[in-house]
Protein backbone atom coordinates (compact mmCIF):
# COMPACT_ATOMS: atom_id res chain seq x y z
CA MET A 1 0.15 -0.09 -0.14
CA SER A 2 1.12 3.83 -0.84
CA GLY A 3 1.48 6.09 2.15
CA THR A 4 2.31 5.76 6.19
CA GLY A 5 0.87 4.54 9.43
CA THR A 6 2.43 5.51 12.73
CA ALA A 7 3.27 3.53 15.95
CA ALA A 8 4.30 4.23 19.35
CA VAL A 9 7.63 2.20 20.06
CA PHE A 10 8.78 0.52 23.05
CA THR A 11 12.23 1.35 23.52
CA GLY A 12 12.91 -0.74 26.96
CA THR A 13 11.72 -0.49 30.94
CA GLY A 14 12.17 3.16 32.02
CA HIS A 15 11.85 4.54 28.67
CA PRO A 16 8.75 6.66 27.22
CA PHE A 17 6.80 5.06 24.03
CA GLU A 18 8.14 6.84 21.03
CA LEU A 19 5.84 8.00 17.96
CA ARG A 20 7.90 6.45 14.66
CA ASP A 21 6.35 6.42 10.81
CA TYR A 22 6.65 3.30 8.57
CA PRO A 23 5.14 2.74 5.32
CA LEU A 24 2.57 0.88 4.98
CA PRO A 25 2.74 -2.79 3.50
CA ASP A 26 1.27 -4.52 1.33
CA PRO A 27 -0.30 -7.51 2.06
CA GLU A 28 1.36 -11.39 1.41
CA PRO A 29 -1.01 -13.74 0.19
CA GLY A 30 -3.40 -14.76 3.14
CA ALA A 31 -2.78 -12.04 5.34
CA VAL A 32 -4.33 -8.78 6.60
CA LEU A 33 -3.22 -5.28 6.77
CA VAL A 34 -6.03 -3.84 10.05
CA ARG A 35 -6.58 -0.45 10.60
CA VAL A 36 -6.61 -0.44 14.59
CA ARG A 37 -9.59 1.18 15.49
CA LEU A 38 -9.14 1.04 19.55
CA ALA A 39 -6.44 -0.70 21.77
CA ASN A 40 -6.59 -0.98 25.41
CA VAL A 41 -4.04 -0.82 27.74
CA CYS A 42 -4.32 -4.13 29.36
CA GLY A 43 -2.76 -5.75 32.78
CA SER A 44 -0.34 -7.44 30.90
CA ASP A 45 1.07 -4.36 29.18
CA LEU A 46 1.39 -2.68 32.40
CA HIS A 47 3.69 -5.56 33.50
CA MET A 48 5.75 -5.26 30.57
CA TRP A 49 5.67 -1.45 30.89
CA ARG A 50 7.15 -1.64 34.65
CA GLY A 51 9.28 -4.70 33.93
CA GLU A 52 7.87 -7.25 35.79
CA VAL A 53 7.69 -9.26 32.71
CA SER A 54 11.20 -8.22 31.99
CA LEU A 55 11.12 -8.09 27.61
CA GLU A 56 15.06 -7.55 27.64
CA ARG A 57 15.02 -11.13 29.48
CA LEU A 58 13.24 -12.37 26.98
CA GLY A 59 15.53 -11.35 24.34
CA LEU A 60 13.51 -9.44 21.99
CA GLU A 61 14.39 -7.18 19.60
CA PHE A 62 13.83 -3.36 20.11
CA PRO A 63 11.94 -1.43 19.45
CA LEU A 64 8.90 -2.85 20.03
CA VAL A 65 4.89 -2.33 19.31
CA LEU A 66 3.24 -3.32 22.53
CA GLY A 67 -0.75 -3.87 22.58
CA HIS A 68 -3.20 -6.43 22.12
CA GLU A 69 -6.33 -5.93 22.98
CA ALA A 70 -7.90 -4.30 20.39
CA MET A 71 -10.00 -3.92 17.46
CA GLY A 72 -9.89 -2.82 13.95
CA GLU A 73 -11.14 -2.72 10.44
CA VAL A 74 -9.80 -4.44 7.36
CA ALA A 75 -7.73 -2.02 5.03
CA ALA A 76 -6.35 -4.80 2.83
CA LEU A 77 -6.76 -8.25 2.27
CA GLY A 78 -3.85 -10.21 0.79
CA GLU A 79 -4.31 -12.88 -2.28
CA GLY A 80 -6.45 -15.40 -1.65
CA VAL A 81 -7.93 -14.46 1.64
CA THR A 82 -11.79 -13.55 0.72
CA ALA A 83 -13.65 -14.71 4.50
CA ASP A 84 -12.92 -15.08 8.10
CA ALA A 85 -11.99 -17.66 10.17
CA ALA A 86 -15.83 -18.81 10.69
CA GLY A 87 -16.35 -19.11 6.46
CA ALA A 88 -18.15 -15.51 7.06
CA PRO A 89 -17.15 -13.08 3.71
CA LEU A 90 -14.55 -10.76 4.42
CA ALA A 91 -14.05 -6.97 2.93
CA ILE A 92 -12.24 -3.77 2.97
CA GLY A 93 -14.05 -1.82 5.91
CA ASP A 94 -15.28 -4.58 7.84
CA ARG A 95 -14.42 -4.38 11.78
CA VAL A 96 -12.68 -7.16 13.12
CA ALA A 97 -11.11 -8.77 15.94
CA TRP A 98 -8.71 -11.20 15.68
CA ARG A 99 -7.18 -13.84 17.83
CA TYR A 100 -4.01 -11.40 19.56
CA PHE A 101 -1.19 -13.96 19.19
CA SER A 102 -0.21 -16.55 16.04
CA PRO A 103 0.72 -19.89 17.44
CA CYS A 104 3.78 -21.95 15.47
CA GLY A 105 2.13 -24.65 14.41
CA ASP A 106 4.71 -26.71 14.90
CA CYS A 107 5.75 -27.70 18.34
CA ARG A 108 4.46 -30.62 20.36
CA SER A 109 1.37 -28.61 21.63
CA CYS A 110 -0.12 -27.31 18.19
CA ARG A 111 0.28 -30.77 16.89
CA ALA A 112 -1.84 -31.89 19.70
CA GLY A 113 -3.92 -28.98 19.01
CA VAL A 114 -3.60 -26.99 22.34
CA THR A 115 -2.10 -24.04 20.08
CA ARG A 116 -3.17 -21.88 23.34
CA ALA A 117 0.28 -24.02 25.23
CA CYS A 118 2.37 -23.09 21.93
CA ARG A 119 6.35 -23.26 22.62
CA GLU A 120 6.56 -19.77 20.79
CA THR A 121 3.51 -17.45 22.61
CA HIS A 122 6.14 -15.08 24.06
CA ARG A 123 5.60 -14.14 19.82
CA PHE A 124 2.41 -12.03 20.77
CA ILE A 125 4.53 -9.13 21.97
CA SER A 126 5.49 -7.23 18.77
CA GLN A 127 5.27 -10.11 17.05
CA GLY A 128 8.83 -10.71 18.42
CA GLN A 129 10.30 -9.05 16.40
CA SER A 130 11.41 -5.31 15.88
CA SER A 131 9.21 -2.73 14.42
CA ASP A 132 12.21 -1.33 12.16
CA ARG A 133 12.13 -4.48 10.29
CA PRO A 134 9.18 -4.63 8.08
CA PRO A 135 6.26 -5.09 8.26
CA HIS A 136 6.59 -2.58 10.89
CA PHE A 137 3.24 -2.78 12.20
CA VAL A 138 3.59 -5.85 14.53
CA GLY A 139 1.45 -4.24 17.25
CA ALA A 140 -2.05 -2.80 18.56
CA TYR A 141 -0.44 0.04 19.95
CA ALA A 142 -0.65 1.69 15.80
CA THR A 143 -2.40 3.00 13.36
CA HIS A 144 -2.26 -0.65 11.58
CA LEU A 145 -1.37 -4.06 12.24
CA CYS A 146 -0.44 -6.82 9.94
CA LEU A 147 -1.47 -10.04 10.39
CA ARG A 148 -0.06 -12.86 9.42
CA PRO A 149 -0.98 -15.30 6.74
CA GLY A 150 -3.45 -18.01 8.78
CA HIS A 151 -4.18 -15.56 11.77
CA ALA A 152 -7.46 -16.15 13.06
CA VAL A 153 -9.47 -13.40 12.27
CA PHE A 154 -13.47 -12.67 12.40
CA ARG A 155 -15.68 -10.27 11.00
CA VAL A 156 -17.40 -8.17 14.19
CA PRO A 157 -21.47 -8.82 14.23
CA GLU A 158 -23.12 -5.33 13.35
CA GLY A 159 -24.05 -2.96 16.07
CA LEU A 160 -21.49 -3.87 18.56
CA PRO A 161 -19.39 -0.64 20.30
CA ASP A 162 -15.69 -0.84 19.57
CA GLU A 163 -14.84 -0.63 23.05
CA ALA A 164 -16.98 -4.20 24.15
CA VAL A 165 -15.06 -5.85 20.77
CA ALA A 166 -11.84 -4.51 21.62
CA ALA A 167 -12.33 -6.62 25.03
CA ALA A 168 -13.19 -9.49 23.30
CA ASN A 169 -9.80 -10.52 21.70
CA CYS A 170 -8.23 -10.90 25.74
CA ALA A 171 -10.22 -10.39 28.55
CA LEU A 172 -13.46 -12.19 27.37
CA ALA A 173 -12.01 -15.15 25.11
CA GLU A 174 -10.17 -15.76 27.76
CA VAL A 175 -12.89 -15.80 30.33
CA ILE A 176 -14.44 -18.36 27.82
CA GLN A 177 -11.75 -20.23 27.70
CA GLY A 178 -10.61 -20.54 31.20
CA PHE A 179 -14.31 -21.95 32.39
CA ALA A 180 -14.18 -24.32 29.17
CA THR A 181 -10.93 -25.79 30.90
CA VAL A 182 -12.04 -26.02 34.35
CA ARG A 183 -15.71 -27.77 32.99
CA LEU A 184 -17.73 -24.89 34.72
CA ARG A 185 -21.32 -26.61 35.01
CA GLU A 186 -24.95 -25.71 35.37
CA GLY A 187 -25.75 -25.07 39.11
CA GLU A 188 -21.98 -24.79 40.42
CA THR A 189 -21.00 -21.92 42.92
CA VAL A 190 -18.45 -19.39 41.38
CA VAL A 191 -15.35 -17.10 43.02
CA ILE A 192 -14.12 -14.21 40.98
CA GLN A 193 -10.97 -12.78 42.16
CA GLY A 194 -10.42 -9.38 40.77
CA ALA A 195 -13.06 -6.96 39.10
CA GLY A 196 -11.07 -5.44 36.73
CA GLY A 197 -11.90 -6.37 32.67
CA LEU A 198 -11.81 -10.03 33.25
CA GLY A 199 -13.34 -10.33 36.19
CA ILE A 200 -15.99 -8.16 34.93
CA ASN A 201 -16.52 -10.63 31.83
CA ALA A 202 -16.10 -13.93 34.59
CA CYS A 203 -19.31 -12.53 35.96
CA ALA A 204 -21.08 -11.98 32.79
CA VAL A 205 -20.22 -15.41 31.50
CA ALA A 206 -20.27 -17.25 34.88
CA ARG A 207 -24.28 -16.17 35.29
CA SER A 208 -24.88 -16.83 31.78
CA MET A 209 -23.56 -20.41 31.98
CA GLY A 210 -26.08 -21.00 34.84
CA ALA A 211 -24.12 -20.70 37.73
CA ALA A 212 -26.07 -21.15 41.37
CA ARG A 213 -23.60 -18.07 42.68
CA VAL A 214 -21.64 -15.85 41.61
CA VAL A 215 -19.35 -13.45 44.18
CA ALA A 216 -16.90 -11.13 43.32
CA VAL A 217 -13.77 -10.33 45.55
CA ASP A 218 -12.12 -6.86 44.97
CA GLY A 219 -10.82 -3.60 47.15
CA ILE A 220 -12.03 -0.99 45.32
CA PRO A 221 -15.95 -0.54 45.37
CA ALA A 222 -16.89 0.85 42.10
CA ARG A 223 -15.25 -2.35 40.59
CA LEU A 224 -17.92 -4.31 43.28
CA ALA A 225 -20.57 -2.44 42.32
CA LEU A 226 -20.40 -2.70 38.54
CA ALA A 227 -19.62 -6.76 39.23
CA ARG A 228 -23.11 -6.74 40.08
CA ARG A 229 -24.64 -5.05 37.36
CA PHE A 230 -22.70 -7.96 35.32
CA GLY A 231 -24.15 -11.11 37.62
CA ALA A 232 -22.64 -11.29 40.64
CA ASP A 233 -24.59 -12.17 43.14
CA ALA A 234 -22.35 -11.35 46.54
CA THR A 235 -19.44 -9.27 46.74
CA VAL A 236 -16.25 -8.85 48.94
CA ASP A 237 -14.66 -5.63 49.74
CA LEU A 238 -11.20 -6.61 50.50
CA SER A 239 -11.06 -2.86 52.36
CA GLU A 240 -13.91 -3.45 54.33
CA VAL A 241 -12.84 -7.28 55.09
CA PRO A 242 -8.63 -6.94 55.41
CA ASP A 243 -7.98 -10.06 57.09
CA PRO A 244 -7.38 -13.15 54.54
CA ARG A 245 -9.16 -15.43 57.24
CA ALA A 246 -11.98 -13.00 57.45
CA ARG A 247 -12.11 -12.98 53.62
CA VAL A 248 -11.97 -17.05 53.35
CA LYS A 249 -14.99 -17.32 55.99
CA ALA A 250 -16.92 -13.96 54.01
CA VAL A 251 -16.37 -16.40 50.26
CA LYS A 252 -17.68 -19.21 52.57
CA GLU A 253 -20.74 -17.59 54.05
CA ALA A 254 -21.90 -16.12 50.56
CA THR A 255 -21.80 -19.75 49.07
CA GLU A 256 -23.85 -21.17 52.39
CA GLY A 257 -20.71 -22.82 53.90
CA TRP A 258 -19.65 -24.23 50.54
CA GLY A 259 -16.83 -23.08 49.18
CA GLY A 260 -16.47 -22.14 44.56
CA ASP A 261 -16.73 -25.28 43.25
CA VAL A 262 -14.71 -22.71 40.96
CA VAL A 263 -12.54 -19.73 41.95
CA ALA A 264 -10.96 -17.86 39.31
CA GLU A 265 -7.86 -15.44 39.61
CA PHE A 266 -8.29 -12.31 37.66
CA VAL A 267 -5.52 -10.27 40.33
CA GLY A 268 -1.90 -11.23 39.12
CA HIS A 269 -0.58 -11.26 42.71
CA ALA A 270 0.75 -14.62 44.55
CA SER A 271 -1.09 -13.71 47.51
CA ALA A 272 -4.81 -13.69 45.99
CA VAL A 273 -4.11 -17.68 44.75
CA GLN A 274 -2.82 -18.87 48.07
CA GLU A 275 -5.76 -17.26 49.49
CA GLY A 276 -8.31 -18.32 46.72
CA ILE A 277 -7.08 -21.96 47.24
CA GLN A 278 -8.62 -21.61 50.52
CA MET A 279 -11.86 -20.73 48.97
CA LEU A 280 -12.52 -23.82 47.07
CA ALA A 281 -15.19 -26.09 48.06
CA GLN A 282 -14.34 -29.83 48.07
CA GLY A 283 -13.71 -31.30 44.45
CA GLY A 284 -12.97 -27.32 43.41
CA ARG A 285 -10.89 -26.45 40.55
CA TYR A 286 -8.75 -23.17 41.02
CA LEU A 287 -8.38 -21.03 37.94
CA ALA A 288 -4.75 -19.29 37.25
CA CYS A 289 -5.21 -16.46 34.91
CA GLY A 290 -3.83 -13.28 36.15
CA CYS A 291 -0.13 -14.18 37.68
CA ILE A 292 1.87 -13.99 34.39
CA HIS A 293 5.21 -12.68 35.67
CA THR A 294 7.92 -14.99 37.57
CA GLY A 295 9.14 -13.80 40.76
CA THR A 296 6.47 -14.29 43.15
CA SER A 297 5.50 -17.12 45.30
CA PHE A 298 4.04 -18.08 47.93
CA GLU A 299 4.09 -21.32 51.08
CA PHE A 300 1.82 -24.08 49.84
CA ASP A 301 0.42 -27.01 51.15
CA PRO A 302 -0.76 -29.25 48.72
CA ALA A 303 -2.65 -31.49 51.54
CA TYR A 304 -5.09 -29.23 50.83
CA LEU A 305 -5.63 -29.71 47.86
CA THR A 306 -5.15 -33.68 47.71
CA LEU A 307 -7.42 -34.11 50.80
CA MET A 308 -10.50 -32.26 49.48
CA ASN A 309 -9.73 -33.47 45.89
CA ARG A 310 -9.19 -30.18 44.49
CA SER A 311 -7.37 -29.33 41.16
CA VAL A 312 -5.46 -25.79 39.61
CA HIS A 313 -5.40 -24.91 36.30
CA GLY A 314 -3.29 -22.38 34.78
CA LEU A 315 -4.33 -20.61 31.63
CA ALA A 316 -2.72 -18.00 29.39
CA TYR A 317 -4.33 -17.57 25.85
CA TYR A 318 -6.63 -19.32 23.78
CA GLU A 319 -8.00 -21.02 21.17
CA PRO A 320 -9.69 -19.34 18.04
CA TRP A 321 -13.13 -21.21 18.50
CA ALA A 322 -13.30 -18.98 22.22
CA LEU A 323 -12.91 -15.92 20.70
CA ARG A 324 -15.75 -16.77 17.71
CA ASP A 325 -17.99 -17.37 20.83
CA ALA A 326 -16.64 -14.22 22.76
CA LEU A 327 -18.05 -12.32 19.50
CA ARG A 328 -21.07 -14.27 19.49
CA PHE A 329 -21.87 -13.93 23.32
CA LEU A 330 -21.52 -9.94 23.18
CA ASP A 331 -24.17 -9.92 20.33
CA ALA A 332 -26.22 -12.65 22.09
CA HIS A 333 -26.18 -10.55 25.30
CA ARG A 334 -25.59 -7.24 24.03
CA ASP A 335 -29.14 -5.91 25.85
CA ARG A 336 -28.50 -7.63 29.09
CA TYR A 337 -25.42 -6.87 30.53
CA PRO A 338 -24.64 -2.74 31.09
CA TRP A 339 -21.55 -3.00 28.11
CA GLY A 340 -21.74 0.85 28.02
CA SER A 341 -20.54 1.03 31.58
CA LEU A 342 -16.85 -0.27 30.61
CA LEU A 343 -16.16 2.97 28.79
CA ALA A 344 -12.59 3.79 29.03
CA ALA A 345 -11.11 6.81 29.25
CA ARG A 346 -9.43 7.38 25.63
CA TYR A 347 -6.32 8.83 24.70
CA PRO A 348 -5.07 9.70 21.09
CA LEU A 349 -1.95 7.28 20.18
CA ALA A 350 0.22 10.81 21.14
CA ASP A 351 -0.71 11.03 24.42
CA ILE A 352 -0.09 6.83 25.59
CA ASN A 353 2.54 7.62 28.19
CA ASP A 354 0.00 9.47 29.41
CA ALA A 355 -2.62 6.50 29.29
CA PHE A 356 -0.26 4.10 30.81
CA GLU A 357 0.82 6.33 33.84
CA ASP A 358 -2.72 7.22 34.53
CA ALA A 359 -3.89 3.56 33.99
CA ASN A 360 -1.07 2.43 36.61
CA ALA A 361 -1.62 5.17 38.93
CA ARG A 362 -5.30 3.85 38.87
CA ARG A 363 -6.61 7.29 37.85
CA VAL A 364 -8.99 5.38 35.77
CA HIS A 365 -10.74 2.56 35.65
CA ARG A 366 -9.69 1.86 31.84
CA ALA A 367 -7.42 3.46 29.47
CA ALA A 368 -7.64 2.90 25.48
CA LEU A 369 -5.92 4.49 22.52
CA GLN A 370 -8.32 5.83 20.20
CA MET A 371 -6.62 5.68 16.72
CA PRO A 372 -7.15 8.40 14.22
CA GLY A 373 -10.81 7.37 12.27
CA GLY A 374 -11.73 5.26 15.00
CA ALA A 375 -15.75 5.39 16.90
CA GLU A 376 -16.18 8.38 19.23
């Protein structure tokens, strides 16, 4: 394609983002060039920005284009691309969501069909390469994004707001994959640790899957109020119940003395895992999603798993069907839940450093980068 686009590049921990212009690539056969409309500041992006996930230690080549929780519209189609991953016709101008990583397809996990466990999943960070090398647009914090051949991309149902769709390709899809992994069943109790983007979506999905009781745990009253609007029956406020043992007791009381058949961790701190395992019912399953950075630990007695037939499941990433189902979920429940209340504070790409500072200081509930031409 002719013309140029702009990317906010990351040059290393402790350094501000820089805006750089690059030539727009012509998509190769099987590829799709997307014009990004909205890109969220996800918790994992903050971990990378703060250095808790050390991109230097991963050996990645700088500068990088971060960002993954996003949506956009088709700018150009490579030869042979006529439909999305679900078989729906795809044309220039269609709004799309995409799986934010592209597995290698050759490792043992990929050959077994568990592509979310691909040994190369770290490539979702700037597609594992410097933005100074073509195709340049390798992350969502840019005006454009190049999806490589075979990338799972889905057309967005008409009428869904951009902000709900942007969260589908990370938070919502991850939740749907997670509850499938722990085999959440109708009539079970669910405890959600953390009422951020993942946790709020988890309340809605658990409720829609027929959970008998949904309990949300967080320390921010506004988030807990939002969790109730998205399906939580009860909430536990960390600020009101500061003692971990008391919180476990409160959760047990909120679940009729039983505990959670499923307890899902969306906090990103080891202490939440230690506490959450104690919130499990006998035979319960613990879903760990939030702790993506190493270097944290806690004392652990495995007897509390063994004697009570509990299990722990770790999850990062998801299969393509989970994103397909996430978009279908949004379409089917567009009037059931107040998606408009999830609106993020929007910043132009040029103000990306302000967006990260505000998100890190929790001055905003959520931060999102709105690209030129994105929906108001």
